[in-house]
Amino acid sequence: MEKLGLYTSGREDSYKSYEQIQRDNSEIVKIWDNPYRELSFDERIDEAIRKQEVRLEEDRIPESATVAIITEEPIAICNLADTHAGALHTDYRYWKYLIDTIKNNDNAFCFLGGDLTDAINWMPSVADNILNFQEQYEMLYAMFKELKGKIIAGVKGNHNWEEKNGVSKYQEFLRNADAPMFENIGWLKLHLMSNKNDIAYNIAMAHQLKGYSYHNPNHPQGRFSKEVEGSDIIISNHTHSAGTQSVNKGVFGGTTKPQTFINGFTLKRNDLFLRQKGNPNSAVGANWLYLSPHEKQHFAIPNTELAYELMGWKK
């Protein structure tokens, strides 16, 4: 049924319904100072910029960072990656062995290579988990507290221990780990400072790099070296296929530059998801990076047992 009404002028938009005419001519009137005001485009842009600046200041997830270590002796850095806390097939005894090694030797440090918890990203693997998400989170932060002062830098993986919801938990990571955390790829300039020298190492860190080859576990690092110039050391993980290489890269003018490639181990041998994809059991362990403070010398140590021997650590 059409509503009754009138056009109050010759304009098409002057139509008023019968109810509206009644309200306009009623002696009973509600008075309210409506505070609503349309924001202009410029005002909305200004507000977006303000929120952007606040969010970036809150998160503080950098693309690059500079870290210095004062030392008179060489150091070894554990590439601690793909630990997958909470998974049924994670080697927790070996994990403790690595943490004790880093903690109890002054010249031992670590990189965090991503996928530190099993989290929720691959749902078929959750059926294998023995720790719930909160327990995984608590284990991770207990490790950060154990290693405070020993963590040089880290990268986030694809099995994140937190999903972003407003402000990131990166601030909590900073409080507990006291180290920079990169979003998958980061550029780290690491200075080893002795009484006589300041040796700078350019380290490209990543959880996952482009490319994969079952012939060569260091294919992702080699590809990255061809695509991006300037790294002394390239480290990535994710594939659960450990590999280390020392190569010489040709540079302009006919000289060469040594590079170290590290592809990380995992602490999780397998799970339902990986088996369904046809993956055999992965080797458990950790590879390490040797750095000298006296001359620019770097190479990969392929396993923890060899790191003990080369660094002279006592078990």
Protein backbone atom coordinates (compact mmCIF):
# COMPACT_ATOMS: atom_id res chain seq x y z
CA MET A 1 0.00 0.00 0.00
CA GLU A 2 1.41 3.39 -0.99
CA LYS A 3 1.97 5.90 1.83
CA LEU A 4 0.09 9.20 1.71
CA GLY A 5 2.14 12.36 1.38
CA LEU A 6 2.69 15.69 -0.36
CA TYR A 7 5.25 17.44 -2.52
CA THR A 8 5.97 20.68 -0.68
CA SER A 9 7.52 22.36 -3.74
CA GLY A 10 8.16 21.68 -7.38
CA ARG A 11 11.34 19.75 -6.56
CA GLU A 12 11.34 15.95 -6.74
CA ASP A 13 13.11 15.70 -3.39
CA SER A 14 10.53 17.85 -1.59
CA TYR A 15 8.15 14.92 -1.02
CA LYS A 16 7.15 14.40 2.63
CA SER A 17 5.12 11.51 3.98
CA TYR A 18 1.99 12.06 6.03
CA GLU A 19 3.82 10.84 9.17
CA GLN A 20 6.71 13.26 8.55
CA ILE A 21 4.30 16.20 8.09
CA GLN A 22 2.65 15.25 11.37
CA ARG A 23 6.01 15.15 13.16
CA ASP A 24 7.09 18.50 11.68
CA ASN A 25 3.90 20.18 12.86
CA SER A 26 3.62 18.57 16.27
CA GLU A 27 3.77 20.78 19.35
CA ILE A 28 5.75 18.06 21.16
CA VAL A 29 9.37 18.29 20.04
CA LYS A 30 12.48 16.40 21.15
CA ILE A 31 15.58 18.59 21.43
CA TRP A 32 19.06 17.02 21.25
CA ASP A 33 22.38 18.53 20.22
CA ASN A 34 23.58 15.72 17.92
CA PRO A 35 27.41 15.66 18.04
CA TYR A 36 27.77 13.68 14.82
CA ARG A 37 29.85 15.35 12.13
CA GLU A 38 30.98 13.89 8.85
CA LEU A 39 34.78 13.58 8.74
CA SER A 40 36.40 14.87 5.58
CA PHE A 41 38.73 12.76 3.45
CA ASP A 42 41.74 14.75 4.68
CA GLU A 43 40.73 14.14 8.30
CA ARG A 44 40.36 10.42 7.67
CA ILE A 45 43.79 10.31 5.99
CA ASP A 46 45.32 12.11 8.99
CA GLU A 47 43.71 9.59 11.35
CA ALA A 48 44.97 6.64 9.28
CA ILE A 49 48.51 8.07 9.33
CA ARG A 50 48.32 8.57 13.10
CA LYS A 51 47.19 4.96 13.66
CA GLN A 52 49.83 3.70 11.23
CA GLU A 53 52.60 5.48 13.14
CA VAL A 54 51.32 4.16 16.48
CA ARG A 55 51.06 0.58 15.17
CA LEU A 56 54.55 0.66 13.66
CA GLU A 57 55.94 2.03 16.93
CA GLU A 58 54.10 -0.66 18.91
CA ASP A 59 55.20 -3.56 16.70
CA ARG A 60 58.75 -2.39 15.95
CA ILE A 61 59.36 -5.44 13.71
CA PRO A 62 62.42 -4.31 11.73
CA GLU A 63 63.72 -5.32 8.33
CA SER A 64 67.29 -4.87 9.50
CA ALA A 65 69.23 -4.69 12.76
CA THR A 66 72.76 -4.18 14.03
CA VAL A 67 74.04 -6.23 16.96
CA ALA A 68 77.50 -6.15 18.56
CA ILE A 69 79.27 -8.78 20.66
CA ILE A 70 82.41 -7.85 22.61
CA THR A 71 84.72 -10.84 22.66
CA GLU A 72 88.37 -11.80 22.45
CA GLU A 73 87.63 -15.35 21.36
CA PRO A 74 85.69 -16.85 18.43
CA ILE A 75 82.00 -17.51 18.92
CA ALA A 76 79.65 -20.23 17.69
CA ILE A 77 76.00 -19.46 16.98
CA CYS A 78 73.43 -22.26 17.04
CA ASN A 79 70.87 -22.13 14.24
CA LEU A 80 67.92 -23.17 16.42
CA ALA A 81 65.07 -23.74 13.98
CA ASP A 82 61.90 -25.75 13.41
CA THR A 83 61.74 -26.96 17.00
CA HIS A 84 57.95 -27.38 16.76
CA ALA A 85 57.19 -27.27 20.47
CA GLY A 86 54.15 -29.35 21.29
CA ALA A 87 54.56 -31.93 18.54
CA LEU A 88 54.52 -35.62 19.44
CA HIS A 89 57.70 -36.41 17.49
CA THR A 90 59.84 -33.46 18.64
CA ASP A 91 63.05 -34.56 20.35
CA TYR A 92 62.69 -32.70 23.66
CA ARG A 93 65.81 -34.25 25.19
CA TYR A 94 67.96 -32.98 22.33
CA TRP A 95 66.28 -29.57 22.63
CA LYS A 96 67.32 -29.38 26.29
CA TYR A 97 70.83 -30.46 25.28
CA LEU A 98 71.02 -27.52 22.85
CA ILE A 99 69.71 -25.00 25.39
CA ASP A 100 72.19 -26.24 28.02
CA THR A 101 75.01 -25.99 25.48
CA ILE A 102 74.16 -22.38 24.61
CA LYS A 103 73.57 -21.42 28.25
CA ASN A 104 76.67 -22.97 29.75
CA ASN A 105 79.32 -21.76 27.30
CA ASP A 106 80.21 -18.08 27.28
CA ASN A 107 81.00 -17.98 23.55
CA ALA A 108 77.87 -19.88 22.48
CA PHE A 109 74.89 -17.95 21.12
CA CYS A 110 71.85 -18.71 18.98
CA PHE A 111 69.66 -17.61 16.10
CA LEU A 112 65.94 -18.45 16.25
CA GLY A 113 65.03 -19.79 12.83
CA GLY A 114 61.22 -19.92 12.97
CA ASP A 115 58.54 -22.58 13.51
CA LEU A 116 59.43 -22.69 17.18
CA THR A 117 56.00 -24.09 18.06
CA ASP A 118 53.74 -26.42 16.12
CA ALA A 119 50.83 -23.98 16.63
CA ILE A 120 47.73 -24.22 14.44
CA ASN A 121 48.80 -23.67 10.86
CA TRP A 122 48.70 -27.27 9.63
CA MET A 123 45.58 -28.78 11.10
CA PRO A 124 46.36 -32.46 10.25
CA SER A 125 49.48 -32.23 12.43
CA VAL A 126 47.51 -31.00 15.44
CA ALA A 127 46.21 -34.52 16.00
CA ASP A 128 49.78 -35.48 16.88
CA ASN A 129 50.32 -32.64 19.37
CA ILE A 130 50.92 -33.49 23.03
CA LEU A 131 50.87 -29.86 24.26
CA ASN A 132 47.96 -27.49 23.76
CA PHE A 133 48.52 -24.01 22.33
CA GLN A 134 48.90 -22.33 25.71
CA GLU A 135 51.42 -24.96 26.86
CA GLN A 136 53.41 -24.45 23.64
CA TYR A 137 53.42 -20.70 24.28
CA GLU A 138 54.56 -21.15 27.87
CA MET A 139 57.39 -23.49 26.83
CA LEU A 140 58.60 -21.01 24.24
CA TYR A 141 58.73 -18.08 26.62
CA ALA A 142 60.39 -20.20 29.29
CA MET A 143 63.12 -20.88 26.71
CA PHE A 144 63.44 -17.16 25.92
CA LYS A 145 64.03 -16.44 29.60
CA GLU A 146 66.66 -19.20 29.81
CA LEU A 147 68.49 -17.74 26.79
CA LYS A 148 68.20 -14.02 27.56
CA GLY A 149 71.44 -12.38 26.47
CA LYS A 150 72.25 -15.35 24.22
CA ILE A 151 69.71 -14.78 21.43
CA ILE A 152 71.24 -12.66 18.67
CA ALA A 153 68.20 -12.44 16.39
CA GLY A 154 65.25 -14.45 15.16
CA VAL A 155 62.80 -14.85 12.30
CA LYS A 156 59.14 -15.77 12.41
CA GLY A 157 58.12 -18.94 10.58
CA ASN A 158 54.85 -20.18 9.13
CA HIS A 159 53.92 -22.11 12.30
CA ASN A 160 53.65 -18.92 14.33
CA TRP A 161 53.20 -19.06 18.09
CA GLU A 162 50.71 -16.20 17.85
CA GLU A 163 48.35 -14.92 15.24
CA LYS A 164 48.27 -11.15 14.84
CA ASN A 165 45.19 -9.60 16.40
CA GLY A 166 45.72 -5.90 16.85
CA VAL A 167 49.05 -5.23 18.52
CA SER A 168 51.59 -8.00 17.94
CA LYS A 169 53.16 -9.96 20.78
CA TYR A 170 56.53 -8.80 19.45
CA GLN A 171 56.74 -6.42 22.43
CA GLU A 172 56.53 -9.40 24.78
CA PHE A 173 59.27 -11.10 22.74
CA LEU A 174 61.46 -8.00 23.18
CA ARG A 175 60.93 -8.03 26.93
CA ASN A 176 61.78 -11.71 27.28
CA ALA A 177 64.34 -12.39 24.54
CA ASP A 178 66.03 -8.96 24.25
CA ALA A 179 66.75 -9.47 20.53
CA PRO A 180 65.38 -8.36 17.15
CA MET A 181 62.78 -10.54 15.44
CA PHE A 182 62.32 -10.34 11.66
CA GLU A 183 59.24 -11.14 9.59
CA ASN A 184 60.59 -14.21 7.71
CA ILE A 185 63.55 -12.32 6.15
CA GLY A 186 65.93 -9.99 7.98
CA TRP A 187 69.23 -8.24 7.37
CA LEU A 188 71.57 -8.56 10.32
CA LYS A 189 74.89 -6.74 10.61
CA LEU A 190 76.75 -8.52 13.39
CA HIS A 191 79.89 -6.83 14.79
CA LEU A 192 82.46 -8.85 16.72
CA MET A 193 84.47 -6.32 18.68
CA SER A 194 87.80 -7.15 20.31
CA ASN A 195 90.48 -4.85 21.73
CA LYS A 196 92.07 -4.46 18.31
CA ASN A 197 89.33 -5.16 15.79
CA ASP A 198 85.73 -4.53 14.80
CA ILE A 199 84.79 -7.27 12.35
CA ALA A 200 81.38 -6.82 10.68
CA TYR A 201 79.49 -9.76 9.20
CA ASN A 202 76.51 -9.27 6.86
CA ILE A 203 74.05 -12.05 7.63
CA ALA A 204 70.83 -12.65 5.68
CA MET A 205 68.43 -14.59 7.91
CA ALA A 206 65.19 -16.23 6.81
CA HIS A 207 62.79 -18.93 7.80
CA GLN A 208 61.95 -19.77 4.19
CA LEU A 209 63.66 -18.68 0.98
CA LYS A 210 62.57 -19.30 -2.60
CA GLY A 211 63.60 -22.52 -4.31
CA TYR A 212 64.01 -26.15 -3.28
CA SER A 213 66.12 -29.02 -4.61
CA TYR A 214 66.35 -32.57 -3.29
CA HIS A 215 69.80 -32.72 -4.91
CA ASN A 216 71.15 -29.80 -2.86
CA PRO A 217 69.74 -28.73 0.54
CA ASN A 218 71.55 -25.38 0.18
CA HIS A 219 69.77 -24.49 -3.06
CA PRO A 220 67.64 -21.74 -1.36
CA GLN A 221 70.76 -19.97 -0.07
CA GLY A 222 72.55 -20.28 -3.42
CA ARG A 223 69.58 -18.85 -5.27
CA PHE A 224 69.31 -16.00 -2.79
CA SER A 225 73.01 -15.24 -3.28
CA LYS A 226 72.43 -14.83 -7.02
CA GLU A 227 69.39 -12.60 -6.50
CA VAL A 228 70.74 -10.38 -3.68
CA GLU A 229 74.32 -9.14 -3.40
CA GLY A 230 76.30 -8.34 -0.28
CA SER A 231 75.76 -11.20 2.20
CA ASP A 232 78.66 -12.95 3.89
CA ILE A 233 76.37 -15.57 5.43
CA ILE A 234 72.93 -16.75 4.28
CA ILE A 235 70.81 -18.82 6.66
CA SER A 236 67.36 -20.27 6.06
CA ASN A 237 65.34 -23.21 7.36
CA HIS A 238 61.80 -24.58 6.84
CA THR A 239 62.69 -27.59 4.66
CA HIS A 240 63.88 -29.79 7.57
CA SER A 241 66.80 -30.81 5.30
CA ALA A 242 70.04 -29.73 6.95
CA GLY A 243 72.94 -28.61 4.80
CA THR A 244 76.03 -26.40 5.01
CA GLN A 245 78.35 -25.05 2.32
CA SER A 246 81.36 -22.77 2.05
CA VAL A 247 81.57 -21.21 -1.42
CA ASN A 248 83.58 -18.54 -3.17
CA LYS A 249 81.53 -15.96 -5.06
CA GLY A 250 83.17 -14.10 -7.92
CA VAL A 251 83.04 -10.32 -7.70
CA PHE A 252 83.81 -7.48 -10.06
CA GLY A 253 87.51 -7.01 -10.76
CA GLY A 254 88.39 -10.70 -10.80
CA THR A 255 88.50 -11.38 -7.06
CA THR A 256 86.33 -13.69 -4.99
CA LYS A 257 84.37 -13.41 -1.78
CA PRO A 258 83.79 -16.32 0.64
CA GLN A 259 80.18 -17.08 1.56
CA THR A 260 78.68 -19.47 4.09
CA PHE A 261 75.34 -21.18 3.44
CA ILE A 262 73.35 -22.83 6.24
CA ASN A 263 70.07 -24.70 5.87
CA GLY A 264 68.68 -25.73 9.24
CA PHE A 265 67.81 -29.00 10.90
CA THR A 266 64.53 -29.65 12.67
CA LEU A 267 63.78 -31.15 16.07
CA LYS A 268 60.60 -32.82 14.76
CA ARG A 269 61.23 -36.12 12.98
CA ASN A 270 57.81 -36.39 11.35
CA ASP A 271 54.07 -35.92 11.83
CA LEU A 272 50.77 -36.89 10.22
CA PHE A 273 50.89 -33.99 7.79
CA LEU A 274 54.42 -34.75 6.58
CA ARG A 275 53.78 -38.49 6.26
CA GLN A 276 50.66 -37.83 4.20
CA LYS A 277 52.88 -35.81 1.85
CA GLY A 278 55.29 -38.74 1.51
CA ASN A 279 58.09 -37.29 3.64
CA PRO A 280 60.44 -39.74 5.40
CA ASN A 281 61.73 -39.04 8.92
CA SER A 282 63.87 -35.92 9.23
CA ALA A 283 67.28 -35.87 10.90
CA VAL A 284 67.19 -34.15 14.29
CA GLY A 285 69.93 -31.70 15.25
CA ALA A 286 71.32 -28.20 14.85
CA ASN A 287 74.04 -26.63 12.74
CA TRP A 288 76.21 -23.75 13.93
CA LEU A 289 78.02 -20.69 12.59
CA TYR A 290 81.66 -20.00 13.53
CA LEU A 291 82.78 -16.33 13.58
CA SER A 292 86.16 -14.85 14.43
CA PRO A 293 86.69 -11.45 16.10
CA HIS A 294 90.28 -11.14 14.87
CA GLU A 295 89.85 -11.48 11.10
CA LYS A 296 86.89 -11.93 8.80
CA GLN A 297 86.59 -15.68 9.04
CA HIS A 298 83.32 -17.59 8.99
CA PHE A 299 82.23 -21.15 8.31
CA ALA A 300 79.42 -23.51 9.16
CA ILE A 301 79.73 -26.25 11.76
CA PRO A 302 77.44 -29.04 10.52
CA ASN A 303 76.37 -30.44 13.91
CA THR A 304 76.49 -29.78 17.64
CA GLU A 305 78.91 -32.57 18.47
CA LEU A 306 81.52 -31.09 16.11
CA ALA A 307 80.87 -27.64 17.62
CA TYR A 308 81.89 -29.03 21.02
CA GLU A 309 85.13 -30.36 19.54
CA LEU A 310 86.05 -27.25 17.55
CA MET A 311 85.17 -24.77 20.30
CA GLY A 312 86.77 -26.79 23.10
CA TRP A 313 83.58 -26.95 25.17
CA LYS A 314 83.23 -29.42 27.99
CA LYS A 315 80.07 -31.49 28.35
